[in-house]
């Protein structure tokens, strides 16, 4: 729904991800409502395997910048197991809070160079 950019938080001197809603979507009240819901959902989640939201601006979500890549297969069993178990832990946490990830796919899963999994873009409706 939005375009994601790497940016610098000049107040806290850290790199962040900015998810910006395109102009055409910003004029659509339904899309703006979805954007606000996504911000609220992300703000309600605090789990090591879910990307953190730092704030919301008029047309942008300010989020944790996750360095890494999406998993690509086939993967050796041990590596796949480590990734899958972290995804399950994040989903279980979200489900316990009544939140479903509505757009789970490899592009919305990042694995850091240290092997930590982060779920992104919950696809709120």
N, C-alpha and C. Protein backbone atom coordinates (compact mmCIF):
# COMPACT_ATOMS: atom_id res chain seq x y z
N UNK A 1 0.82 -1.19 0.00
CA UNK A 1 0.00 0.00 0.00
C UNK A 1 0.87 1.26 0.00
N UNK A 2 2.07 1.17 0.57
CA UNK A 2 2.94 2.33 0.62
C UNK A 2 4.31 2.01 0.06
N UNK A 3 5.08 3.05 -0.15
CA UNK A 3 6.45 2.90 -0.60
C UNK A 3 7.35 3.06 0.61
N UNK A 4 8.38 2.23 0.71
CA UNK A 4 9.25 2.25 1.88
C UNK A 4 10.61 2.82 1.50
N UNK A 5 11.09 3.75 2.34
CA UNK A 5 12.37 4.42 2.11
C UNK A 5 13.23 4.32 3.37
N UNK A 6 14.51 4.30 3.14
CA UNK A 6 15.47 4.42 4.25
C UNK A 6 15.59 5.92 4.52
N UNK A 7 15.56 6.29 5.81
CA UNK A 7 15.64 7.70 6.18
C UNK A 7 16.46 7.85 7.45
N UNK A 8 16.79 9.08 7.79
CA UNK A 8 17.54 9.38 9.00
C UNK A 8 16.63 10.13 9.95
N UNK A 9 16.49 9.61 11.16
CA UNK A 9 15.79 10.31 12.24
C UNK A 9 16.81 11.29 12.80
N UNK A 10 16.65 12.57 12.46
CA UNK A 10 17.64 13.56 12.85
C UNK A 10 17.57 13.91 14.33
N UNK A 11 16.42 13.70 14.95
CA UNK A 11 16.30 13.99 16.38
C UNK A 11 17.02 12.95 17.22
N UNK A 12 16.87 11.68 16.86
CA UNK A 12 17.48 10.60 17.64
C UNK A 12 18.73 10.02 16.97
N UNK A 13 19.07 10.56 15.81
CA UNK A 13 20.29 10.17 15.09
C UNK A 13 20.35 8.67 14.85
N UNK A 14 19.33 8.16 14.18
CA UNK A 14 19.29 6.74 13.82
C UNK A 14 18.63 6.58 12.46
N UNK A 15 18.99 5.50 11.79
CA UNK A 15 18.34 5.17 10.52
C UNK A 15 16.99 4.53 10.82
N UNK A 16 16.00 4.86 10.00
CA UNK A 16 14.65 4.32 10.14
C UNK A 16 14.12 3.96 8.76
N UNK A 17 13.01 3.24 8.76
CA UNK A 17 12.28 2.98 7.53
C UNK A 17 11.05 3.89 7.54
N UNK A 18 10.80 4.55 6.43
CA UNK A 18 9.60 5.38 6.28
C UNK A 18 8.68 4.71 5.28
N UNK A 19 7.50 4.34 5.72
CA UNK A 19 6.50 3.80 4.81
C UNK A 19 5.56 4.95 4.48
N UNK A 20 5.64 5.42 3.24
CA UNK A 20 4.92 6.62 2.81
C UNK A 20 3.74 6.23 1.94
N UNK A 21 2.60 6.80 2.24
CA UNK A 21 1.41 6.57 1.46
C UNK A 21 1.44 7.47 0.22
N UNK A 22 1.31 6.92 -0.99
CA UNK A 22 1.32 7.73 -2.20
C UNK A 22 0.18 8.75 -2.21
N UNK A 23 0.38 9.85 -2.94
CA UNK A 23 -0.62 10.93 -3.02
C UNK A 23 -2.02 10.43 -3.35
N UNK A 24 -2.12 9.54 -4.34
CA UNK A 24 -3.43 9.05 -4.77
C UNK A 24 -4.15 8.34 -3.62
N UNK A 25 -3.42 7.59 -2.82
CA UNK A 25 -4.02 6.89 -1.68
C UNK A 25 -4.36 7.85 -0.56
N UNK A 26 -3.53 8.89 -0.38
CA UNK A 26 -3.75 9.84 0.71
C UNK A 26 -5.05 10.62 0.53
N UNK A 27 -5.55 10.69 -0.69
CA UNK A 27 -6.82 11.38 -0.94
C UNK A 27 -8.03 10.46 -0.77
N UNK A 28 -7.77 9.19 -0.53
CA UNK A 28 -8.85 8.20 -0.39
C UNK A 28 -9.09 7.94 1.10
N UNK A 29 -10.26 8.36 1.62
CA UNK A 29 -10.54 8.18 3.06
C UNK A 29 -10.44 6.73 3.53
N UNK A 30 -10.85 5.78 2.69
CA UNK A 30 -10.77 4.36 3.07
C UNK A 30 -9.32 3.92 3.22
N UNK A 31 -8.47 4.32 2.30
CA UNK A 31 -7.04 3.97 2.38
C UNK A 31 -6.39 4.63 3.59
N UNK A 32 -6.76 5.88 3.86
CA UNK A 32 -6.21 6.58 5.03
C UNK A 32 -6.63 5.87 6.32
N UNK A 33 -7.87 5.37 6.35
CA UNK A 33 -8.35 4.64 7.53
C UNK A 33 -7.54 3.35 7.71
N UNK A 34 -7.25 2.64 6.62
CA UNK A 34 -6.43 1.43 6.68
C UNK A 34 -5.03 1.75 7.18
N UNK A 35 -4.48 2.86 6.69
CA UNK A 35 -3.16 3.31 7.09
C UNK A 35 -3.11 3.58 8.59
N UNK A 36 -4.14 4.25 9.09
CA UNK A 36 -4.22 4.54 10.53
C UNK A 36 -4.36 3.25 11.33
N UNK A 37 -5.18 2.30 10.84
CA UNK A 37 -5.34 1.02 11.53
C UNK A 37 -4.02 0.26 11.59
N UNK A 38 -3.26 0.29 10.49
CA UNK A 38 -1.97 -0.40 10.49
C UNK A 38 -1.06 0.20 11.56
N UNK A 39 -1.04 1.53 11.67
CA UNK A 39 -0.22 2.19 12.69
C UNK A 39 -0.66 1.76 14.08
N UNK A 40 -1.95 1.72 14.33
CA UNK A 40 -2.47 1.34 15.64
C UNK A 40 -2.16 -0.12 15.96
N UNK A 41 -2.30 -0.99 14.97
CA UNK A 41 -2.00 -2.41 15.18
C UNK A 41 -0.53 -2.58 15.51
N UNK A 42 0.34 -1.97 14.72
CA UNK A 42 1.78 -2.10 14.97
C UNK A 42 2.16 -1.53 16.33
N UNK A 43 1.52 -0.43 16.72
CA UNK A 43 1.83 0.18 18.02
C UNK A 43 1.41 -0.72 19.18
N UNK A 44 0.43 -1.60 18.96
CA UNK A 44 -0.04 -2.48 20.02
C UNK A 44 0.82 -3.73 20.18
N UNK A 45 1.76 -3.93 19.26
CA UNK A 45 2.60 -5.13 19.28
C UNK A 45 4.01 -4.79 19.74
N UNK A 46 4.52 -5.59 20.65
CA UNK A 46 5.88 -5.41 21.15
C UNK A 46 6.53 -6.79 21.25
N UNK A 47 7.12 -7.23 20.15
CA UNK A 47 7.72 -8.56 20.09
C UNK A 47 9.00 -8.48 19.29
N UNK A 48 10.00 -9.20 19.71
CA UNK A 48 11.31 -9.16 19.07
C UNK A 48 11.27 -9.55 17.58
N UNK A 49 10.27 -10.33 17.17
CA UNK A 49 10.20 -10.77 15.77
C UNK A 49 9.18 -10.00 14.95
N UNK A 50 8.76 -8.84 15.45
CA UNK A 50 7.85 -7.96 14.71
C UNK A 50 8.49 -6.59 14.64
N UNK A 51 8.60 -6.03 13.43
CA UNK A 51 9.22 -4.72 13.26
C UNK A 51 8.46 -3.68 14.10
N UNK A 52 9.21 -2.83 14.77
CA UNK A 52 8.66 -1.84 15.68
C UNK A 52 8.29 -0.56 14.94
N UNK A 53 7.14 0.01 15.32
CA UNK A 53 6.77 1.32 14.81
C UNK A 53 7.22 2.35 15.82
N UNK A 54 7.84 3.42 15.33
CA UNK A 54 8.32 4.49 16.20
C UNK A 54 7.34 5.66 16.24
N UNK A 55 6.60 5.85 15.15
CA UNK A 55 5.68 6.97 15.11
C UNK A 55 4.90 7.00 13.81
N UNK A 56 3.95 7.90 13.76
CA UNK A 56 3.14 8.07 12.56
C UNK A 56 3.07 9.56 12.26
N UNK A 57 3.26 9.88 11.01
CA UNK A 57 3.16 11.26 10.54
C UNK A 57 1.94 11.35 9.64
N UNK A 58 1.75 12.49 9.02
CA UNK A 58 0.56 12.70 8.19
C UNK A 58 0.35 11.59 7.16
N UNK A 59 1.40 11.24 6.44
CA UNK A 59 1.29 10.21 5.40
C UNK A 59 2.40 9.18 5.49
N UNK A 60 2.99 9.01 6.67
CA UNK A 60 4.12 8.09 6.79
C UNK A 60 4.14 7.40 8.14
N UNK A 61 4.54 6.13 8.09
CA UNK A 61 4.84 5.39 9.31
C UNK A 61 6.35 5.41 9.47
N UNK A 62 6.80 5.74 10.66
CA UNK A 62 8.23 5.72 10.97
C UNK A 62 8.48 4.42 11.72
N UNK A 63 9.32 3.58 11.12
CA UNK A 63 9.49 2.23 11.65
C UNK A 63 10.96 1.87 11.81
N UNK A 64 11.15 0.80 12.57
CA UNK A 64 12.47 0.20 12.71
C UNK A 64 12.99 -0.17 11.33
N UNK A 65 14.22 0.20 11.05
CA UNK A 65 14.86 -0.22 9.81
C UNK A 65 15.44 -1.61 10.02
N UNK A 66 14.98 -2.56 9.24
CA UNK A 66 15.43 -3.95 9.37
C UNK A 66 16.37 -4.25 8.21
N UNK A 67 17.63 -4.44 8.55
CA UNK A 67 18.64 -4.81 7.55
C UNK A 67 18.57 -6.32 7.35
N UNK A 68 18.67 -6.76 6.14
CA UNK A 68 18.65 -8.20 5.88
C UNK A 68 18.01 -8.50 4.55
N UNK A 69 17.47 -9.70 4.46
CA UNK A 69 16.82 -10.12 3.21
C UNK A 69 15.69 -11.08 3.52
N UNK A 70 14.82 -11.22 2.55
CA UNK A 70 13.71 -12.18 2.67
C UNK A 70 14.25 -13.58 2.44
N UNK A 71 13.67 -14.56 3.13
CA UNK A 71 14.16 -15.94 2.93
C UNK A 71 13.87 -16.44 1.52
N UNK A 72 14.83 -17.15 0.97
CA UNK A 72 14.68 -17.74 -0.36
C UNK A 72 15.06 -19.20 -0.26
N UNK A 73 14.27 -20.05 -0.86
CA UNK A 73 14.52 -21.48 -0.74
C UNK A 73 15.06 -22.06 -2.01
N UNK A 74 15.30 -23.33 -1.96
CA UNK A 74 15.14 -24.19 -0.78
C UNK A 74 16.23 -23.91 0.25
N UNK A 75 15.86 -24.13 1.51
CA UNK A 75 16.78 -23.90 2.62
C UNK A 75 17.10 -25.21 3.31
N UNK A 76 18.29 -25.31 3.87
CA UNK A 76 18.59 -26.49 4.68
C UNK A 76 17.59 -26.55 5.85
N UNK A 77 17.28 -27.75 6.30
CA UNK A 77 16.26 -27.93 7.34
C UNK A 77 16.52 -27.06 8.57
N UNK A 78 17.75 -27.07 9.08
CA UNK A 78 18.06 -26.32 10.31
C UNK A 78 17.79 -24.83 10.13
N UNK A 79 18.17 -24.28 8.99
CA UNK A 79 17.94 -22.85 8.74
C UNK A 79 16.45 -22.56 8.60
N UNK A 80 15.74 -23.41 7.87
CA UNK A 80 14.29 -23.24 7.71
C UNK A 80 13.59 -23.33 9.06
N UNK A 81 14.04 -24.26 9.90
CA UNK A 81 13.43 -24.44 11.22
C UNK A 81 13.62 -23.20 12.08
N UNK A 82 14.83 -22.62 12.06
CA UNK A 82 15.09 -21.41 12.85
C UNK A 82 14.21 -20.24 12.39
N UNK A 83 14.05 -20.11 11.10
CA UNK A 83 13.21 -19.03 10.56
C UNK A 83 11.75 -19.29 10.90
N UNK A 84 11.29 -20.50 10.64
CA UNK A 84 9.87 -20.85 10.88
C UNK A 84 9.50 -20.70 12.34
N UNK A 85 10.38 -21.11 13.25
CA UNK A 85 10.04 -21.03 14.67
C UNK A 85 9.90 -19.57 15.13
N UNK A 86 10.69 -18.67 14.56
CA UNK A 86 10.57 -17.25 14.90
C UNK A 86 9.30 -16.64 14.30
N UNK A 87 8.95 -17.07 13.10
CA UNK A 87 7.70 -16.60 12.48
C UNK A 87 6.51 -17.05 13.33
N UNK A 88 6.53 -18.31 13.74
CA UNK A 88 5.44 -18.85 14.56
C UNK A 88 5.34 -18.11 15.89
N UNK A 89 6.48 -17.81 16.51
CA UNK A 89 6.46 -17.07 17.79
C UNK A 89 5.82 -15.70 17.61
N UNK A 90 6.16 -15.01 16.54
CA UNK A 90 5.59 -13.68 16.27
C UNK A 90 4.09 -13.78 15.98
N UNK A 91 3.70 -14.75 15.17
CA UNK A 91 2.28 -14.91 14.85
C UNK A 91 1.47 -15.31 16.07
N UNK A 92 2.02 -16.19 16.90
CA UNK A 92 1.32 -16.60 18.12
C UNK A 92 1.11 -15.39 19.03
N UNK A 93 2.13 -14.57 19.17
CA UNK A 93 2.03 -13.36 19.99
C UNK A 93 0.92 -12.44 19.45
N UNK A 94 0.95 -12.20 18.14
CA UNK A 94 -0.06 -11.33 17.53
C UNK A 94 -1.46 -11.93 17.69
N UNK A 95 -1.58 -13.23 17.45
CA UNK A 95 -2.89 -13.89 17.56
C UNK A 95 -3.42 -13.80 18.99
N UNK A 96 -2.54 -13.94 19.97
CA UNK A 96 -2.96 -13.81 21.37
C UNK A 96 -3.52 -12.42 21.66
N UNK A 97 -3.13 -11.44 20.85
CA UNK A 97 -3.64 -10.08 21.00
C UNK A 97 -4.82 -9.82 20.06
N UNK A 98 -5.27 -10.87 19.37
CA UNK A 98 -6.42 -10.74 18.46
C UNK A 98 -6.07 -10.14 17.11
N UNK A 99 -4.80 -10.19 16.73
CA UNK A 99 -4.34 -9.59 15.48
C UNK A 99 -3.85 -10.67 14.54
N UNK A 100 -4.32 -10.61 13.30
CA UNK A 100 -3.88 -11.56 12.27
C UNK A 100 -3.00 -10.83 11.26
N UNK A 101 -1.95 -11.48 10.82
CA UNK A 101 -1.13 -10.95 9.73
C UNK A 101 -1.87 -11.30 8.45
N UNK A 102 -2.31 -10.32 7.72
CA UNK A 102 -3.16 -10.55 6.55
C UNK A 102 -2.39 -10.57 5.23
N UNK A 103 -1.07 -10.52 5.30
CA UNK A 103 -0.29 -10.51 4.06
C UNK A 103 1.05 -11.22 4.26
N UNK A 104 0.99 -12.40 4.87
CA UNK A 104 2.23 -13.14 5.15
C UNK A 104 2.75 -13.77 3.86
N UNK A 105 3.95 -13.36 3.49
CA UNK A 105 4.64 -13.86 2.30
C UNK A 105 6.11 -13.56 2.48
N UNK A 106 6.99 -14.20 1.72
CA UNK A 106 8.43 -13.99 1.92
C UNK A 106 8.84 -12.51 1.89
N UNK A 107 8.22 -11.69 1.05
CA UNK A 107 8.59 -10.27 0.97
C UNK A 107 8.31 -9.52 2.26
N UNK A 108 7.42 -10.05 3.11
CA UNK A 108 7.09 -9.40 4.38
C UNK A 108 7.78 -10.07 5.57
N UNK A 109 8.80 -10.85 5.27
CA UNK A 109 9.63 -11.49 6.29
C UNK A 109 11.08 -11.10 6.00
N UNK A 110 11.74 -10.53 7.00
CA UNK A 110 13.15 -10.19 6.83
C UNK A 110 13.97 -11.00 7.82
N UNK A 111 15.11 -11.47 7.36
CA UNK A 111 16.05 -12.18 8.22
C UNK A 111 17.31 -11.32 8.28
N UNK A 112 17.67 -10.91 9.49
CA UNK A 112 18.85 -10.06 9.67
C UNK A 112 20.11 -10.90 9.48
N UNK A 113 21.24 -10.25 9.28
CA UNK A 113 22.50 -11.00 9.16
C UNK A 113 22.79 -11.87 10.38
N UNK A 114 22.22 -11.50 11.55
CA UNK A 114 22.41 -12.29 12.77
C UNK A 114 21.42 -13.46 12.87
N UNK A 115 20.50 -13.58 11.89
CA UNK A 115 19.53 -14.68 11.88
C UNK A 115 18.22 -14.37 12.59
N UNK A 116 18.03 -13.11 12.99
CA UNK A 116 16.77 -12.73 13.64
C UNK A 116 15.71 -12.42 12.58
N UNK A 117 14.53 -12.98 12.77
CA UNK A 117 13.42 -12.78 11.84
C UNK A 117 12.58 -11.60 12.31
N UNK A 118 12.14 -10.77 11.36
CA UNK A 118 11.23 -9.66 11.64
C UNK A 118 10.07 -9.74 10.66
N UNK A 119 8.84 -9.77 11.19
CA UNK A 119 7.66 -9.70 10.34
C UNK A 119 7.35 -8.24 10.05
N UNK A 120 6.99 -7.97 8.81
CA UNK A 120 6.65 -6.62 8.35
C UNK A 120 5.24 -6.61 7.78
N UNK A 121 4.71 -5.45 7.58
CA UNK A 121 3.47 -5.19 6.82
C UNK A 121 2.34 -6.15 7.13
N UNK A 122 1.58 -5.84 8.15
CA UNK A 122 0.50 -6.71 8.60
C UNK A 122 -0.73 -6.65 7.70
N UNK A 123 -0.73 -5.81 6.67
CA UNK A 123 -1.83 -5.80 5.71
C UNK A 123 -3.18 -5.54 6.33
N UNK A 124 -3.29 -4.51 7.15
CA UNK A 124 -4.54 -4.22 7.89
C UNK A 124 -5.64 -3.81 6.92
N UNK A 125 -6.84 -4.28 7.24
CA UNK A 125 -8.01 -3.95 6.42
C UNK A 125 -9.06 -3.29 7.25
